[in-house]
């Protein structure tokens, strides 16, 4: 199985759940980079999709 981490920090993050499902990709939604780093310690995904923003 192909796995994918979606790091969703931005409201404009693409919602591609239907595409991932059609392609047989298991998506894990993560709300922050910190949560993604914690998840990476447990398992490594095949793909990572993120739309991050940084504000001062």
Protein backbone atom coordinates (compact mmCIF):
# COMPACT_ATOMS: atom_id res chain seq x y z
CA UNK A 1 0.00 0.00 0.00
CA UNK A 2 1.09 3.53 -0.75
CA UNK A 3 0.83 5.96 2.16
CA UNK A 4 0.66 9.73 2.15
CA UNK A 5 0.89 12.34 4.91
CA UNK A 6 -1.23 15.47 4.34
CA UNK A 7 0.03 18.29 6.54
CA UNK A 8 -2.94 20.65 6.69
CA UNK A 9 -1.90 23.99 8.19
CA UNK A 10 -3.60 26.22 5.65
CA UNK A 11 -7.29 26.53 4.75
CA UNK A 12 -6.23 26.51 1.09
CA UNK A 13 -4.65 23.04 1.36
CA UNK A 14 -5.90 20.95 -1.59
CA UNK A 15 -8.60 18.43 -0.70
CA UNK A 16 -7.73 15.43 -2.83
CA UNK A 17 -9.22 12.59 -0.79
CA UNK A 18 -11.24 11.25 -3.73
CA UNK A 19 -8.15 11.14 -5.97
CA UNK A 20 -6.10 9.39 -3.30
CA UNK A 21 -8.85 6.83 -2.81
CA UNK A 22 -9.09 6.13 -6.56
CA UNK A 23 -5.32 5.65 -6.70
CA UNK A 24 -5.34 3.32 -3.69
CA UNK A 25 -3.36 5.70 -1.50
CA UNK A 26 -3.92 5.71 2.25
CA UNK A 27 -3.99 9.31 3.50
CA UNK A 28 -3.06 10.40 7.00
CA UNK A 29 -4.20 13.96 7.81
CA UNK A 30 -1.94 15.84 10.19
CA UNK A 31 -2.78 19.32 11.55
CA UNK A 32 0.80 20.60 11.95
CA UNK A 33 4.44 20.01 11.08
CA UNK A 34 5.06 19.03 14.70
CA UNK A 35 2.45 16.26 14.48
CA UNK A 36 3.99 15.15 11.17
CA UNK A 37 7.41 14.85 12.80
CA UNK A 38 5.92 12.73 15.57
CA UNK A 39 4.21 10.49 12.99
CA UNK A 40 7.48 10.14 11.04
CA UNK A 41 9.07 8.58 14.12
CA UNK A 42 6.48 5.78 13.92
CA UNK A 43 6.40 5.22 10.15
CA UNK A 44 7.70 6.71 6.92
CA UNK A 45 5.15 7.62 4.23
CA UNK A 46 5.72 7.21 0.51
CA UNK A 47 4.54 10.78 -0.13
CA UNK A 48 4.11 14.02 1.81
CA UNK A 49 1.75 16.81 0.70
CA UNK A 50 1.86 20.12 2.55
CA UNK A 51 0.89 23.71 2.05
CA UNK A 52 2.54 25.62 4.83
CA UNK A 53 2.57 29.31 5.53
CA UNK A 54 4.64 31.40 7.84
CA UNK A 55 3.67 34.74 9.28
CA UNK A 56 5.68 37.12 11.39
